[in-house]
Amino acid sequence: MLRHEFRPGRLVAGAFFTLAGVIYVGDAGGAWETPWFVVIPVVMAGLFLAGATGVVARSIRRRRGPSRATARASTGTSTTPP
């Protein structure tokens, strides 16, 4: 099974977009009253934190060097027997 690279910035952005959706669903369902402009700071804060998380994660990856999967892909070697 091929594994994908973990991107924590996308996880943070997804969490904040989910929070924005929950805010709107709660307002639509009558659980609470939310002004229309409340979601804008939530989404902007989420995008900012996702960008900061992505920069930190990328700097950590660069410091560690290339992973084995990246090194194999760049050399063209395969792990499966012919």
PDB file of N, CA and C in Angstrom:
ATOM      1  N   MET A   1       0.841  -1.175   0.000  1.00  0.00           N
ATOM      2  CA  MET A   1       0.000   0.000   0.000  1.00  0.00           C
ATOM      3  C   MET A   1       0.885   1.238   0.000  1.00  0.00           C
ATOM      4  N   LEU A   2       0.609   2.141  -0.903  1.00  0.00           N
ATOM      5  CA  LEU A   2       1.372   3.378  -0.955  1.00  0.00           C
ATOM      6  C   LEU A   2       0.907   4.313   0.149  1.00  0.00           C
ATOM      7  N   ARG A   3       1.857   4.908   0.818  1.00  0.00           N
ATOM      8  CA  ARG A   3       1.531   5.856   1.883  1.00  0.00           C
ATOM      9  C   ARG A   3       1.763   7.258   1.368  1.00  0.00           C
ATOM     10  N   HIS A   4       0.957   8.166   1.835  1.00  0.00           N
ATOM     11  CA  HIS A   4       1.135   9.552   1.450  1.00  0.00           C
ATOM     12  C   HIS A   4       1.912  10.285   2.528  1.00  0.00           C
ATOM     13  N   GLU A   5       2.465  11.417   2.142  1.00  0.00           N
ATOM     14  CA  GLU A   5       3.226  12.227   3.073  1.00  0.00           C
ATOM     15  C   GLU A   5       2.273  12.959   4.009  1.00  0.00           C
ATOM     16  N   PHE A   6       2.586  12.972   5.292  1.00  0.00           N
ATOM     17  CA  PHE A   6       1.745  13.639   6.276  1.00  0.00           C
ATOM     18  C   PHE A   6       1.926  15.143   6.150  1.00  0.00           C
ATOM     19  N   ARG A   7       0.833  15.866   5.983  1.00  0.00           N
ATOM     20  CA  ARG A   7       0.853  17.321   5.873  1.00  0.00           C
ATOM     21  C   ARG A   7       0.037  17.917   7.020  1.00  0.00           C
ATOM     22  N   PRO A   8       0.687  18.321   8.108  1.00  0.00           N
ATOM     23  CA  PRO A   8      -0.062  18.830   9.258  1.00  0.00           C
ATOM     24  C   PRO A   8      -0.771  20.153   8.977  1.00  0.00           C
ATOM     25  N   GLY A   9      -0.277  20.948   8.048  1.00  0.00           N
ATOM     26  CA  GLY A   9      -0.955  22.202   7.698  1.00  0.00           C
ATOM     27  C   GLY A   9      -2.337  21.954   7.131  1.00  0.00           C
ATOM     28  N   ARG A  10      -2.463  20.939   6.322  1.00  0.00           N
ATOM     29  CA  ARG A  10      -3.775  20.600   5.757  1.00  0.00           C
ATOM     30  C   ARG A  10      -4.725  20.089   6.837  1.00  0.00           C
ATOM     31  N   LEU A  11      -4.172  19.396   7.818  1.00  0.00           N
ATOM     32  CA  LEU A  11      -4.991  18.925   8.936  1.00  0.00           C
ATOM     33  C   LEU A  11      -5.544  20.108   9.728  1.00  0.00           C
ATOM     34  N   VAL A  12      -4.703  21.098   9.995  1.00  0.00           N
ATOM     35  CA  VAL A  12      -5.137  22.283  10.743  1.00  0.00           C
ATOM     36  C   VAL A  12      -6.186  23.060   9.942  1.00  0.00           C
ATOM     37  N   ALA A  13      -5.943  23.252   8.650  1.00  0.00           N
ATOM     38  CA  ALA A  13      -6.909  23.966   7.816  1.00  0.00           C
ATOM     39  C   ALA A  13      -8.249  23.228   7.781  1.00  0.00           C
ATOM     40  N   GLY A  14      -8.206  21.921   7.642  1.00  0.00           N
ATOM     41  CA  GLY A  14      -9.434  21.135   7.633  1.00  0.00           C
ATOM     42  C   GLY A  14     -10.196  21.224   8.933  1.00  0.00           C
ATOM     43  N   ALA A  15      -9.470  21.269  10.048  1.00  0.00           N
ATOM     44  CA  ALA A  15     -10.134  21.391  11.347  1.00  0.00           C
ATOM     45  C   ALA A  15     -10.847  22.737  11.470  1.00  0.00           C
ATOM     46  N   PHE A  16     -10.220  23.809  11.000  1.00  0.00           N
ATOM     47  CA  PHE A  16     -10.855  25.116  11.092  1.00  0.00           C
ATOM     48  C   PHE A  16     -12.026  25.251  10.118  1.00  0.00           C
ATOM     49  N   PHE A  17     -11.918  24.651   8.938  1.00  0.00           N
ATOM     50  CA  PHE A  17     -13.056  24.681   8.017  1.00  0.00           C
ATOM     51  C   PHE A  17     -14.217  23.851   8.564  1.00  0.00           C
ATOM     52  N   THR A  18     -13.906  22.755   9.240  1.00  0.00           N
ATOM     53  CA  THR A  18     -14.949  21.966   9.885  1.00  0.00           C
ATOM     54  C   THR A  18     -15.614  22.769  10.999  1.00  0.00           C
ATOM     55  N   LEU A  19     -14.813  23.508  11.765  1.00  0.00           N
ATOM     56  CA  LEU A  19     -15.362  24.373  12.802  1.00  0.00           C
ATOM     57  C   LEU A  19     -16.292  25.430  12.197  1.00  0.00           C
ATOM     58  N   ALA A  20     -15.889  26.018  11.074  1.00  0.00           N
ATOM     59  CA  ALA A  20     -16.747  27.004  10.409  1.00  0.00           C
ATOM     60  C   ALA A  20     -18.066  26.360   9.972  1.00  0.00           C
ATOM     61  N   GLY A  21     -17.993  25.140   9.474  1.00  0.00           N
ATOM     62  CA  GLY A  21     -19.212  24.433   9.090  1.00  0.00           C
ATOM     63  C   GLY A  21     -20.105  24.133  10.278  1.00  0.00           C
ATOM     64  N   VAL A  22     -19.503  23.762  11.389  1.00  0.00           N
ATOM     65  CA  VAL A  22     -20.284  23.483  12.605  1.00  0.00           C
ATOM     66  C   VAL A  22     -20.959  24.765  13.095  1.00  0.00           C
ATOM     67  N   ILE A  23     -20.272  25.889  12.991  1.00  0.00           N
ATOM     68  CA  ILE A  23     -20.872  27.169  13.396  1.00  0.00           C
ATOM     69  C   ILE A  23     -22.107  27.460  12.551  1.00  0.00           C
ATOM     70  N   TYR A  24     -22.001  27.276  11.241  1.00  0.00           N
ATOM     71  CA  TYR A  24     -23.154  27.534  10.378  1.00  0.00           C
ATOM     72  C   TYR A  24     -24.275  26.526  10.595  1.00  0.00           C
ATOM     73  N   VAL A  25     -23.939  25.267  10.806  1.00  0.00           N
ATOM     74  CA  VAL A  25     -24.969  24.247  11.025  1.00  0.00           C
ATOM     75  C   VAL A  25     -25.704  24.513  12.337  1.00  0.00           C
ATOM     76  N   GLY A  26     -24.961  24.914  13.357  1.00  0.00           N
ATOM     77  CA  GLY A  26     -25.605  25.239  14.634  1.00  0.00           C
ATOM     78  C   GLY A  26     -26.536  26.425  14.504  1.00  0.00           C
ATOM     79  N   ASP A  27     -26.143  27.398  13.694  1.00  0.00           N
ATOM     80  CA  ASP A  27     -27.008  28.553  13.466  1.00  0.00           C
ATOM     81  C   ASP A  27     -28.240  28.159  12.658  1.00  0.00           C
ATOM     82  N   ALA A  28     -28.040  27.334  11.637  1.00  0.00           N
ATOM     83  CA  ALA A  28     -29.173  26.920  10.803  1.00  0.00           C
ATOM     84  C   ALA A  28     -30.135  26.016  11.570  1.00  0.00           C
ATOM     85  N   GLY A  29     -29.597  25.217  12.475  1.00  0.00           N
ATOM     86  CA  GLY A  29     -30.431  24.313  13.250  1.00  0.00           C
ATOM     87  C   GLY A  29     -31.130  24.974  14.420  1.00  0.00           C
ATOM     88  N   GLY A  30     -30.789  26.221  14.705  1.00  0.00           N
ATOM     89  CA  GLY A  30     -31.437  26.942  15.787  1.00  0.00           C
ATOM     90  C   GLY A  30     -30.809  26.717  17.147  1.00  0.00           C
ATOM     91  N   ALA A  31     -29.636  26.089  17.190  1.00  0.00           N
ATOM     92  CA  ALA A  31     -28.979  25.845  18.474  1.00  0.00           C
ATOM     93  C   ALA A  31     -28.437  27.139  19.072  1.00  0.00           C
ATOM     94  N   TRP A  32     -27.997  28.056  18.219  1.00  0.00           N
ATOM     95  CA  TRP A  32     -27.518  29.361  18.657  1.00  0.00           C
ATOM     96  C   TRP A  32     -27.655  30.357  17.523  1.00  0.00           C
ATOM     97  N   GLU A  33     -27.491  31.592  17.836  1.00  0.00           N
ATOM     98  CA  GLU A  33     -27.603  32.675  16.848  1.00  0.00           C
ATOM     99  C   GLU A  33     -26.197  33.180  16.540  1.00  0.00           C
ATOM    100  N   THR A  34     -25.805  33.115  15.268  1.00  0.00           N
ATOM    101  CA  THR A  34     -24.466  33.529  14.856  1.00  0.00           C
ATOM    102  C   THR A  34     -24.569  34.615  13.796  1.00  0.00           C
ATOM    103  N   PRO A  35     -23.906  35.762  13.994  1.00  0.00           N
ATOM    104  CA  PRO A  35     -23.856  36.762  12.928  1.00  0.00           C
ATOM    105  C   PRO A  35     -23.072  36.220  11.726  1.00  0.00           C
ATOM    106  N   TRP A  36     -23.374  36.710  10.540  1.00  0.00           N
ATOM    107  CA  TRP A  36     -22.766  36.181   9.325  1.00  0.00           C
ATOM    108  C   TRP A  36     -21.257  36.389   9.271  1.00  0.00           C
ATOM    109  N   PHE A  37     -20.750  37.429   9.912  1.00  0.00           N
ATOM    110  CA  PHE A  37     -19.338  37.763   9.793  1.00  0.00           C
ATOM    111  C   PHE A  37     -18.431  37.027  10.774  1.00  0.00           C
ATOM    112  N   VAL A  38     -18.974  36.202  11.634  1.00  0.00           N
ATOM    113  CA  VAL A  38     -18.169  35.507  12.644  1.00  0.00           C
ATOM    114  C   VAL A  38     -17.242  34.479  12.011  1.00  0.00           C
ATOM    115  N   VAL A  39     -17.652  33.888  10.937  1.00  0.00           N
ATOM    116  CA  VAL A  39     -16.856  32.814  10.342  1.00  0.00           C
ATOM    117  C   VAL A  39     -15.599  33.357   9.651  1.00  0.00           C
ATOM    118  N   ILE A  40     -15.611  34.600   9.232  1.00  0.00           N
ATOM    119  CA  ILE A  40     -14.455  35.162   8.532  1.00  0.00           C
ATOM    120  C   ILE A  40     -13.199  35.109   9.408  1.00  0.00           C
ATOM    121  N   PRO A  41     -13.220  35.581  10.664  1.00  0.00           N
ATOM    122  CA  PRO A  41     -12.004  35.451  11.478  1.00  0.00           C
ATOM    123  C   PRO A  41     -11.619  34.004  11.777  1.00  0.00           C
ATOM    124  N   VAL A  42     -12.602  33.135  11.888  1.00  0.00           N
ATOM    125  CA  VAL A  42     -12.297  31.718  12.147  1.00  0.00           C
ATOM    126  C   VAL A  42     -11.529  31.133  10.967  1.00  0.00           C
ATOM    127  N   VAL A  43     -12.001  31.392   9.757  1.00  0.00           N
ATOM    128  CA  VAL A  43     -11.339  30.860   8.568  1.00  0.00           C
ATOM    129  C   VAL A  43      -9.969  31.513   8.376  1.00  0.00           C
ATOM    130  N   MET A  44      -9.867  32.815   8.584  1.00  0.00           N
ATOM    131  CA  MET A  44      -8.583  33.499   8.419  1.00  0.00           C
ATOM    132  C   MET A  44      -7.560  33.005   9.443  1.00  0.00           C
ATOM    133  N   ALA A  45      -7.983  32.813  10.685  1.00  0.00           N
ATOM    134  CA  ALA A  45      -7.072  32.278  11.701  1.00  0.00           C
ATOM    135  C   ALA A  45      -6.643  30.857  11.339  1.00  0.00           C
ATOM    136  N   GLY A  46      -7.571  30.072  10.829  1.00  0.00           N
ATOM    137  CA  GLY A  46      -7.235  28.714  10.415  1.00  0.00           C
ATOM    138  C   GLY A  46      -6.234  28.681   9.278  1.00  0.00           C
ATOM    139  N   LEU A  47      -6.421  29.564   8.295  1.00  0.00           N
ATOM    140  CA  LEU A  47      -5.472  29.617   7.183  1.00  0.00           C
ATOM    141  C   LEU A  47      -4.097  30.084   7.651  1.00  0.00           C
ATOM    142  N   PHE A  48      -4.070  31.057   8.550  1.00  0.00           N
ATOM    143  CA  PHE A  48      -2.792  31.531   9.079  1.00  0.00           C
ATOM    144  C   PHE A  48      -2.072  30.426   9.846  1.00  0.00           C
ATOM    145  N   LEU A  49      -2.797  29.751  10.739  1.00  0.00           N
ATOM    146  CA  LEU A  49      -2.175  28.676  11.510  1.00  0.00           C
ATOM    147  C   LEU A  49      -1.770  27.493  10.630  1.00  0.00           C
ATOM    148  N   ALA A  50      -2.546  27.227   9.593  1.00  0.00           N
ATOM    149  CA  ALA A  50      -2.181  26.145   8.675  1.00  0.00           C
ATOM    150  C   ALA A  50      -0.900  26.496   7.919  1.00  0.00           C
ATOM    151  N   GLY A  51      -0.781  27.740   7.503  1.00  0.00           N
ATOM    152  CA  GLY A  51       0.449  28.164   6.831  1.00  0.00           C
ATOM    153  C   GLY A  51       1.651  28.094   7.744  1.00  0.00           C
ATOM    154  N   ALA A  52       1.496  28.553   8.978  1.00  0.00           N
ATOM    155  CA  ALA A  52       2.598  28.496   9.945  1.00  0.00           C
ATOM    156  C   ALA A  52       2.981  27.046  10.244  1.00  0.00           C
ATOM    157  N   THR A  53       1.994  26.185  10.382  1.00  0.00           N
ATOM    158  CA  THR A  53       2.262  24.769  10.632  1.00  0.00           C
ATOM    159  C   THR A  53       2.971  24.133   9.447  1.00  0.00           C
ATOM    160  N   GLY A  54       2.552  24.492   8.245  1.00  0.00           N
ATOM    161  CA  GLY A  54       3.203  23.960   7.052  1.00  0.00           C
ATOM    162  C   GLY A  54       4.655  24.402   6.935  1.00  0.00           C
ATOM    163  N   VAL A  55       4.941  25.658   7.261  1.00  0.00           N
ATOM    164  CA  VAL A  55       6.319  26.151   7.213  1.00  0.00           C
ATOM    165  C   VAL A  55       7.190  25.432   8.232  1.00  0.00           C
ATOM    166  N   VAL A  56       6.669  25.259   9.440  1.00  0.00           N
ATOM    167  CA  VAL A  56       7.435  24.562  10.480  1.00  0.00           C
ATOM    168  C   VAL A  56       7.676  23.107  10.074  1.00  0.00           C
ATOM    169  N   ALA A  57       6.663  22.444   9.567  1.00  0.00           N
ATOM    170  CA  ALA A  57       6.812  21.042   9.163  1.00  0.00           C
ATOM    171  C   ALA A  57       7.811  20.907   8.017  1.00  0.00           C
ATOM    172  N   ARG A  58       7.773  21.838   7.086  1.00  0.00           N
ATOM    173  CA  ARG A  58       8.709  21.776   5.961  1.00  0.00           C
ATOM    174  C   ARG A  58      10.145  22.003   6.422  1.00  0.00           C
ATOM    175  N   SER A  59      10.330  22.934   7.361  1.00  0.00           N
ATOM    176  CA  SER A  59      11.687  23.176   7.853  1.00  0.00           C
ATOM    177  C   SER A  59      12.212  21.966   8.623  1.00  0.00           C
ATOM    178  N   ILE A  60      11.336  21.279   9.343  1.00  0.00           N
ATOM    179  CA  ILE A  60      11.765  20.069  10.051  1.00  0.00           C
ATOM    180  C   ILE A  60      12.136  18.982   9.051  1.00  0.00           C
ATOM    181  N   ARG A  61      11.353  18.821   7.986  1.00  0.00           N
ATOM    182  CA  ARG A  61      11.662  17.811   6.967  1.00  0.00           C
ATOM    183  C   ARG A  61      12.977  18.113   6.267  1.00  0.00           C
ATOM    184  N   ARG A  62      13.237  19.381   5.975  1.00  0.00           N
ATOM    185  CA  ARG A  62      14.495  19.742   5.305  1.00  0.00           C
ATOM    186  C   ARG A  62      15.692  19.444   6.190  1.00  0.00           C
ATOM    187  N   ARG A  63      15.549  19.701   7.480  1.00  0.00           N
ATOM    188  CA  ARG A  63      16.650  19.487   8.399  1.00  0.00           C
ATOM    189  C   ARG A  63      16.977  18.008   8.516  1.00  0.00           C
ATOM    190  N   ARG A  64      15.964  17.149   8.451  1.00  0.00           N
ATOM    191  CA  ARG A  64      16.176  15.702   8.566  1.00  0.00           C
ATOM    192  C   ARG A  64      16.787  15.113   7.309  1.00  0.00           C
ATOM    193  N   GLY A  65      16.582  15.731   6.166  1.00  0.00           N
ATOM    194  CA  GLY A  65      17.070  15.189   4.912  1.00  0.00           C
ATOM    195  C   GLY A  65      15.981  14.411   4.207  1.00  0.00           C
ATOM    196  N   PRO A  66      16.297  13.884   3.024  1.00  0.00           N
ATOM    197  CA  PRO A  66      15.273  13.147   2.270  1.00  0.00           C
ATOM    198  C   PRO A  66      14.931  11.825   2.948  1.00  0.00           C
ATOM    199  N   SER A  67      13.668  11.467   2.862  1.00  0.00           N
ATOM    200  CA  SER A  67      13.234  10.191   3.429  1.00  0.00           C
ATOM    201  C   SER A  67      13.620   9.054   2.494  1.00  0.00           C
ATOM    202  N   ARG A  68      13.460   7.848   2.968  1.00  0.00           N
ATOM    203  CA  ARG A  68      13.818   6.697   2.138  1.00  0.00           C
ATOM    204  C   ARG A  68      12.943   6.622   0.892  1.00  0.00           C
ATOM    205  N   ALA A  69      11.655   6.871   1.052  1.00  0.00           N
ATOM    206  CA  ALA A  69      10.739   6.780  -0.088  1.00  0.00           C
ATOM    207  C   ALA A  69      11.088   7.828  -1.135  1.00  0.00           C
ATOM    208  N   THR A  70      11.443   9.028  -0.703  1.00  0.00           N
ATOM    209  CA  THR A  70      11.822  10.077  -1.638  1.00  0.00           C
ATOM    210  C   THR A  70      13.135   9.721  -2.322  1.00  0.00           C
ATOM    211  N   ALA A  71      14.069   9.172  -1.586  1.00  0.00           N
ATOM    212  CA  ALA A  71      15.355   8.800  -2.166  1.00  0.00           C
ATOM    213  C   ALA A  71      15.184   7.683  -3.194  1.00  0.00           C
ATOM    214  N   ARG A  72      14.329   6.710  -2.898  1.00  0.00           N
ATOM    215  CA  ARG A  72      14.081   5.625  -3.850  1.00  0.00           C
ATOM    216  C   ARG A  72      13.392   6.122  -5.097  1.00  0.00           C
ATOM    217  N   ALA A  73      12.438   7.044  -4.937  1.00  0.00           N
ATOM    218  CA  ALA A  73      11.705   7.551  -6.085  1.00  0.00           C
ATOM    219  C   ALA A  73      12.625   8.355  -6.989  1.00  0.00           C
ATOM    220  N   SER A  74      13.558   9.092  -6.425  1.00  0.00           N
ATOM    221  CA  SER A  74      14.443   9.909  -7.241  1.00  0.00           C
ATOM    222  C   SER A  74      15.492   9.077  -7.958  1.00  0.00           C
ATOM    223  N   THR A  75      15.882   7.922  -7.397  1.00  0.00           N
ATOM    224  CA  THR A  75      16.876   7.075  -8.048  1.00  0.00           C
ATOM    225  C   THR A  75      16.234   6.088  -9.012  1.00  0.00           C
ATOM    226  N   GLY A  76      14.923   5.923  -8.914  1.00  0.00           N
ATOM    227  CA  GLY A  76      14.239   5.028  -9.829  1.00  0.00           C
ATOM    228  C   GLY A  76      14.225   3.579  -9.377  1.00  0.00           C
ATOM    229  N   THR A  77      14.685   3.286  -8.187  1.00  0.00           N
ATOM    230  CA  THR A  77      14.685   1.914  -7.701  1.00  0.00           C
ATOM    231  C   THR A  77      13.307   1.574  -7.158  1.00  0.00           C
ATOM    232  N   SER A  78      12.979   0.338  -7.173  1.00  0.00           N
ATOM    233  CA  SER A  78      11.674  -0.121  -6.714  1.00  0.00           C
ATOM    234  C   SER A  78      11.867  -1.123  -5.584  1.00  0.00           C
ATOM    235  N   THR A  79      10.891  -1.194  -4.724  1.00  0.00           N
ATOM    236  CA  THR A  79      10.959  -2.149  -3.624  1.00  0.00           C
ATOM    237  C   THR A  79      10.305  -3.472  -3.974  1.00  0.00           C
ATOM    238  N   THR A  80       9.568  -3.534  -5.071  1.00  0.00           N
ATOM    239  CA  THR A  80       8.907  -4.778  -5.454  1.00  0.00           C
ATOM    240  C   THR A  80       9.826  -5.578  -6.361  1.00  0.00           C
ATOM    241  N   PRO A  81       9.870  -6.893  -6.196  1.00  0.00           N
ATOM    242  CA  PRO A  81      10.717  -7.703  -7.067  1.00  0.00           C
ATOM    243  C   PRO A  81      10.145  -7.756  -8.473  1.00  0.00           C
ATOM    244  N   PRO A  82      11.025  -7.917  -9.478  1.00  0.00           N
ATOM    245  CA  PRO A  82      10.544  -7.945 -10.882  1.00  0.00           C
ATOM    246  C   PRO A  82       9.742  -9.150 -11.238  1.00  0.00           C
TER     247      PRO A  82
END
